[in-house]
Amino acid sequence: MPHVMELFGKTRVVVKDGKVVEVGEPIADWCPVFSKVADISRLTPEEAKKNMEYRIRELGMFTPKRRFDYGIFVNFGASEIMMTGLRHSVIDSTVTVCDGAGTVITSDPGLVQGMGALMSGLIETEPIPEIIEGIESRGGVVLDKASAGIDQVAGARAACELGYKNIAVSVTWLREARELRKIEKEYNVSLILIGAHLTGIRGKDVELLGKLDIITGCASRIIREAVKPILQAGTSVPMFAMTQKGKELILERAKEVDSPILVSTEKLPVLPLQKQPRPLG
């Protein structure tokens, strides 16, 4: 089974044996993040391929040479927010995903950042023993070592069984949010659900956005039109805090950001047209 990840405007990229073997078409043409960090003026299949090859080369993504020491990528990315939350005990564990391993539970700040810094939408992956060993040597728990399955609901349940009480869970399929809230009640724990890679969601999913604590704006028009956040970090690909728990987690991250930060009160969301990905999906 090959590895499949969506990146660069939700471009589907397939990797096999450490090589990019298939590249699809992007949904978006321009992303403010990659325009800023990589000076890319247009998202194309060719640029997506080059970026995936960069991740393979620099991080060993989808290979036995996978590294977990990548630093900060963006100030308010999902992994950065979770890393800080673990570091300051706002949360006690995370349920995220990693190439070559699938769903992973960890309470190690460095590991959650190392796995997630350049992680886009991981659709499917196959087990890579060296990656699994690297995660386990850092105290991480791989949910499904046999097939590297991705199942955030099962991962949250496993984290509860391990005794964790304040768990951040990354969510890319909104239907999972409903099941995760049931688990929260069943185990009497606190789950902070962070929605990411949500470009392309449909109108029928809007009601499920209300079950998330933090939502990444991605390149989604529906999210921008539907959210009523109580805090917003960033204006181009913003992070929206929808609940007090989400707000506290983002504010904790803000304490560690070295760049100057403007704190202001105004009607949210704030979305300058010239800074938005385009077209919005």
Protein backbone atom coordinates (compact mmCIF):
# COMPACT_ATOMS: atom_id res chain seq x y z
CA MET A 1 0.00 0.00 0.00
CA PRO A 2 1.41 3.43 -0.87
CA HIS A 3 1.34 6.52 1.33
CA VAL A 4 -1.17 9.24 0.44
CA MET A 5 -1.07 12.82 1.67
CA GLU A 6 -2.93 15.95 0.61
CA LEU A 7 -0.96 19.19 0.65
CA PHE A 8 -0.56 22.43 -1.28
CA GLY A 9 -4.20 23.31 -1.78
CA LYS A 10 -5.34 19.74 -1.09
CA THR A 11 -3.25 18.25 -3.89
CA ARG A 12 -3.26 14.46 -3.60
CA VAL A 13 0.31 13.13 -3.58
CA VAL A 14 1.19 9.44 -3.54
CA VAL A 15 4.56 8.26 -2.22
CA LYS A 16 5.98 4.78 -2.63
CA ASP A 17 9.44 3.57 -1.58
CA GLY A 18 10.46 7.11 -0.75
CA LYS A 19 9.54 8.47 -4.18
CA VAL A 20 6.64 10.59 -5.38
CA VAL A 21 4.78 8.40 -7.87
CA GLU A 22 1.55 10.33 -8.42
CA VAL A 23 0.41 13.94 -8.11
CA GLY A 24 -3.10 15.29 -8.50
CA GLU A 25 -4.49 18.77 -9.10
CA PRO A 26 -4.71 21.40 -6.35
CA ILE A 27 -8.05 22.86 -5.29
CA ALA A 28 -6.50 26.25 -4.49
CA ASP A 29 -4.21 28.30 -6.73
CA TRP A 30 -2.51 30.44 -4.08
CA CYS A 31 -1.72 29.95 -0.40
CA PRO A 32 -0.47 32.86 1.74
CA VAL A 33 1.55 30.52 3.96
CA PHE A 34 3.62 28.99 1.16
CA SER A 35 3.83 32.32 -0.60
CA LYS A 36 5.50 33.67 2.53
CA VAL A 37 7.71 30.76 3.59
CA ALA A 38 8.64 29.36 0.17
CA ASP A 39 8.01 32.27 -2.22
CA ILE A 40 5.57 30.19 -4.27
CA SER A 41 3.28 32.38 -6.34
CA ARG A 42 1.03 29.61 -7.68
CA LEU A 43 0.11 26.16 -6.38
CA THR A 44 0.66 23.61 -9.13
CA PRO A 45 1.17 19.83 -9.29
CA GLU A 46 4.85 20.48 -10.05
CA GLU A 47 5.28 22.63 -6.95
CA ALA A 48 3.40 20.09 -4.84
CA LYS A 49 5.76 17.36 -6.05
CA LYS A 50 8.81 19.49 -5.25
CA ASN A 51 7.47 20.28 -1.78
CA MET A 52 6.78 16.63 -1.01
CA GLU A 53 10.27 15.74 -2.19
CA TYR A 54 11.61 18.44 0.14
CA ARG A 55 9.78 16.85 3.07
CA ILE A 56 11.15 13.44 2.13
CA ARG A 57 14.67 14.80 1.75
CA GLU A 58 14.78 17.03 4.83
CA LEU A 59 12.61 15.06 7.28
CA GLY A 60 12.81 11.56 5.86
CA MET A 61 9.01 11.61 5.65
CA PHE A 62 7.60 8.23 4.53
CA THR A 63 11.06 6.64 4.87
CA PRO A 64 13.04 4.78 7.56
CA LYS A 65 15.16 7.92 8.01
CA ARG A 66 12.29 9.95 9.50
CA ARG A 67 13.43 12.77 11.80
CA PHE A 68 11.46 14.17 14.73
CA ASP A 69 13.51 17.27 15.50
CA TYR A 70 11.95 19.82 13.17
CA GLY A 71 11.41 23.15 14.88
CA ILE A 72 8.60 25.69 14.64
CA PHE A 73 7.01 25.93 11.19
CA VAL A 74 4.27 28.49 11.86
CA ASN A 75 3.54 30.36 15.07
CA PHE A 76 0.00 29.07 15.49
CA GLY A 77 -0.05 25.72 13.74
CA ALA A 78 -1.96 22.82 15.26
CA SER A 79 1.18 20.94 16.31
CA GLU A 80 2.76 24.10 17.74
CA ILE A 81 -0.36 24.78 19.80
CA MET A 82 -0.42 21.21 21.10
CA MET A 83 3.32 21.25 21.82
CA THR A 84 2.96 24.33 24.01
CA GLY A 85 -0.15 22.92 25.67
CA LEU A 86 1.78 19.81 26.70
CA ARG A 87 4.78 21.81 27.82
CA HIS A 88 2.66 23.87 30.21
CA SER A 89 0.29 21.09 31.28
CA VAL A 90 -2.80 22.65 29.76
CA ILE A 91 -3.28 19.22 28.20
CA ASP A 92 -1.72 15.94 29.25
CA SER A 93 -1.68 14.07 25.92
CA THR A 94 -2.40 14.35 22.22
CA VAL A 95 -3.89 12.08 19.59
CA THR A 96 -2.41 12.95 16.20
CA VAL A 97 -1.11 11.13 13.13
CA CYS A 98 2.28 10.38 11.65
CA ASP A 99 3.45 8.98 8.35
CA GLY A 100 4.58 5.38 8.69
CA ALA A 101 2.67 4.97 11.96
CA GLY A 102 -0.92 6.23 11.65
CA THR A 103 -2.65 7.39 14.82
CA VAL A 104 -0.23 8.19 17.66
CA ILE A 105 -0.78 9.06 21.33
CA THR A 106 1.91 11.08 23.04
CA SER A 107 2.53 13.38 25.98
CA ASP A 108 5.94 14.49 24.70
CA PRO A 109 5.95 18.08 23.36
CA GLY A 110 8.94 17.53 21.09
CA LEU A 111 7.45 14.43 19.55
CA VAL A 112 4.09 15.97 18.75
CA GLN A 113 5.86 18.88 17.05
CA GLY A 114 8.34 16.60 15.29
CA MET A 115 5.55 14.50 13.83
CA GLY A 116 3.28 17.39 12.94
CA ALA A 117 5.46 20.33 11.88
CA LEU A 118 5.24 19.61 8.14
CA MET A 119 2.31 17.22 8.27
CA SER A 120 -0.55 18.09 5.95
CA GLY A 121 -3.60 15.89 5.42
CA LEU A 122 -2.39 12.32 5.88
CA ILE A 123 -4.97 10.16 4.12
CA GLU A 124 -3.38 6.74 4.43
CA THR A 125 -0.01 5.29 5.26
CA GLU A 126 1.67 1.94 5.77
CA PRO A 127 3.80 0.85 8.72
CA ILE A 128 7.49 1.70 8.62
CA PRO A 129 9.20 -0.13 11.52
CA GLU A 130 11.92 2.48 11.97
CA ILE A 131 9.39 5.28 12.31
CA ILE A 132 7.32 3.29 14.78
CA GLU A 133 10.46 2.50 16.79
CA GLY A 134 11.44 6.19 16.75
CA ILE A 135 8.03 7.16 18.10
CA GLU A 136 8.04 4.48 20.79
CA SER A 137 11.59 5.36 21.87
CA ARG A 138 10.25 8.86 22.61
CA GLY A 139 7.37 7.51 24.68
CA GLY A 140 4.73 7.65 21.98
CA VAL A 141 2.07 4.96 21.60
CA VAL A 142 1.24 3.79 18.08
CA LEU A 143 -2.37 2.69 17.95
CA ASP A 144 -2.06 0.15 15.14
CA LYS A 145 1.49 -1.05 14.53
CA ALA A 146 0.36 -3.80 12.17
CA SER A 147 -1.30 -1.59 9.55
CA ALA A 148 -0.57 2.02 10.62
CA GLY A 149 -4.29 2.69 10.60
CA ILE A 150 -5.65 6.19 11.10
CA ASP A 151 -8.53 6.21 13.59
CA GLN A 152 -8.74 9.24 15.86
CA VAL A 153 -11.82 7.96 17.65
CA ALA A 154 -10.08 4.72 18.62
CA GLY A 155 -6.97 6.74 19.48
CA ALA A 156 -8.92 8.96 21.87
CA ARG A 157 -10.47 5.93 23.50
CA ALA A 158 -7.03 4.36 23.93
CA ALA A 159 -5.70 7.60 25.47
CA CYS A 160 -8.56 7.51 27.97
CA GLU A 161 -7.76 3.88 28.80
CA LEU A 162 -4.16 4.94 29.46
CA GLY A 163 -5.47 7.32 32.10
CA TYR A 164 -5.15 10.67 30.36
CA LYS A 165 -7.75 13.27 31.29
CA ASN A 166 -7.04 16.37 29.16
CA ILE A 167 -6.50 15.23 25.62
CA ALA A 168 -6.10 17.22 22.40
CA VAL A 169 -7.25 15.34 19.31
CA SER A 170 -6.65 16.38 15.72
CA VAL A 171 -9.75 15.94 13.58
CA THR A 172 -9.83 15.98 9.77
CA TRP A 173 -13.13 14.14 9.30
CA LEU A 174 -15.88 16.12 10.97
CA ARG A 175 -18.09 13.08 11.47
CA GLU A 176 -15.49 11.89 14.00
CA ALA A 177 -16.24 14.89 16.20
CA ARG A 178 -19.66 13.54 17.16
CA GLU A 179 -18.18 10.20 18.28
CA LEU A 180 -15.36 11.92 20.13
CA ARG A 181 -17.83 13.96 22.19
CA LYS A 182 -19.55 10.71 23.17
CA ILE A 183 -16.21 9.33 24.36
CA GLU A 184 -15.62 12.52 26.36
CA LYS A 185 -18.83 11.91 28.29
CA GLU A 186 -18.30 8.17 28.59
CA TYR A 187 -14.87 8.54 30.23
CA ASN A 188 -15.57 11.85 31.99
CA VAL A 189 -12.51 13.50 30.44
CA SER A 190 -11.83 16.78 28.66
CA LEU A 191 -11.17 16.54 24.92
CA ILE A 192 -9.94 19.52 22.95
CA LEU A 193 -10.84 18.85 19.34
CA ILE A 194 -8.70 20.65 16.76
CA GLY A 195 -10.11 20.63 13.24
CA ALA A 196 -7.50 20.74 10.49
CA HIS A 197 -7.28 20.07 6.76
CA LEU A 198 -10.90 21.04 6.29
CA THR A 199 -10.70 22.58 2.81
CA GLY A 200 -13.59 21.28 0.75
CA ILE A 201 -16.08 20.56 3.56
CA ARG A 202 -19.71 20.78 2.50
CA GLY A 203 -22.65 22.73 3.91
CA LYS A 204 -24.09 19.67 5.62
CA ASP A 205 -20.98 19.55 7.82
CA VAL A 206 -21.43 23.07 9.22
CA GLU A 207 -23.35 21.88 12.28
CA LEU A 208 -20.45 19.62 13.22
CA LEU A 209 -18.08 22.58 13.35
CA GLY A 210 -19.80 23.42 16.62
CA LYS A 211 -18.32 20.31 18.21
CA LEU A 212 -14.75 21.55 17.68
CA ASP A 213 -12.75 23.70 20.09
CA ILE A 214 -10.25 25.02 17.55
CA ILE A 215 -10.73 25.22 13.79
CA THR A 216 -8.09 25.87 11.14
CA GLY A 217 -9.44 28.14 8.44
CA CYS A 218 -7.52 26.30 5.67
CA ALA A 219 -8.85 27.41 2.27
CA SER A 220 -12.49 26.88 3.19
CA ARG A 221 -15.12 29.47 2.32
CA ILE A 222 -17.72 27.62 4.40
CA ILE A 223 -15.60 27.85 7.54
CA ARG A 224 -15.01 31.56 7.06
CA GLU A 225 -18.72 32.17 6.59
CA ALA A 226 -19.93 29.90 9.39
CA VAL A 227 -17.54 30.40 12.30
CA LYS A 228 -18.30 32.62 15.24
CA PRO A 229 -14.99 32.44 17.10
CA ILE A 230 -14.21 33.88 20.50
CA LEU A 231 -10.52 34.24 19.57
CA GLN A 232 -8.65 34.31 16.27
CA ALA A 233 -4.92 33.79 15.70
CA GLY A 234 -3.70 34.94 12.29
CA THR A 235 -5.63 36.40 9.38
CA SER A 236 -4.57 34.47 6.26
CA VAL A 237 -4.93 30.84 7.35
CA PRO A 238 -6.35 31.64 10.78
CA MET A 239 -6.85 29.46 13.82
CA PHE A 240 -10.27 30.03 15.38
CA ALA A 241 -10.96 29.25 19.03
CA MET A 242 -14.61 28.28 19.32
CA THR A 243 -14.70 27.48 23.04
CA GLN A 244 -13.06 28.65 26.23
CA LYS A 245 -10.86 25.54 26.23
CA GLY A 246 -9.67 26.33 22.74
CA LYS A 247 -9.10 29.97 23.66
CA GLU A 248 -6.94 29.05 26.64
CA LEU A 249 -4.83 26.68 24.55
CA ILE A 250 -4.16 29.28 21.85
CA LEU A 251 -3.40 31.97 24.45
CA GLU A 252 -0.91 29.63 26.10
CA ARG A 253 0.80 29.27 22.73
CA ALA A 254 0.86 33.06 22.33
CA LYS A 255 3.04 33.33 25.44
CA GLU A 256 5.81 31.42 23.67
CA VAL A 257 5.69 33.24 20.34
CA ASP A 258 8.75 35.47 19.90
CA SER A 259 7.17 37.82 17.34
CA PRO A 260 5.25 40.90 18.49
CA ILE A 261 1.54 40.17 19.03
CA LEU A 262 -1.36 42.57 18.67
CA VAL A 263 -4.19 41.98 21.14
CA SER A 264 -7.38 43.74 20.19
CA THR A 265 -11.14 43.39 20.59
CA GLU A 266 -13.33 43.47 17.51
CA LYS A 267 -15.93 41.51 15.65
CA LEU A 268 -14.57 38.17 14.44
CA PRO A 269 -13.58 36.72 12.09
CA VAL A 270 -11.18 39.28 10.60
CA LEU A 271 -10.32 38.16 7.07
CA PRO A 272 -8.51 40.68 4.85
CA LEU A 273 -9.40 39.70 1.29
CA GLN A 274 -5.86 40.05 -0.07
CA LYS A 275 -4.50 37.58 2.52
CA GLN A 276 -6.93 34.70 1.91
CA PRO A 277 -6.06 31.55 -0.03
CA ARG A 278 -7.67 31.56 -3.44
CA PRO A 279 -9.94 30.36 -4.66
CA LEU A 280 -11.69 29.40 -1.45
CA GLY A 281 -13.18 25.92 -1.62
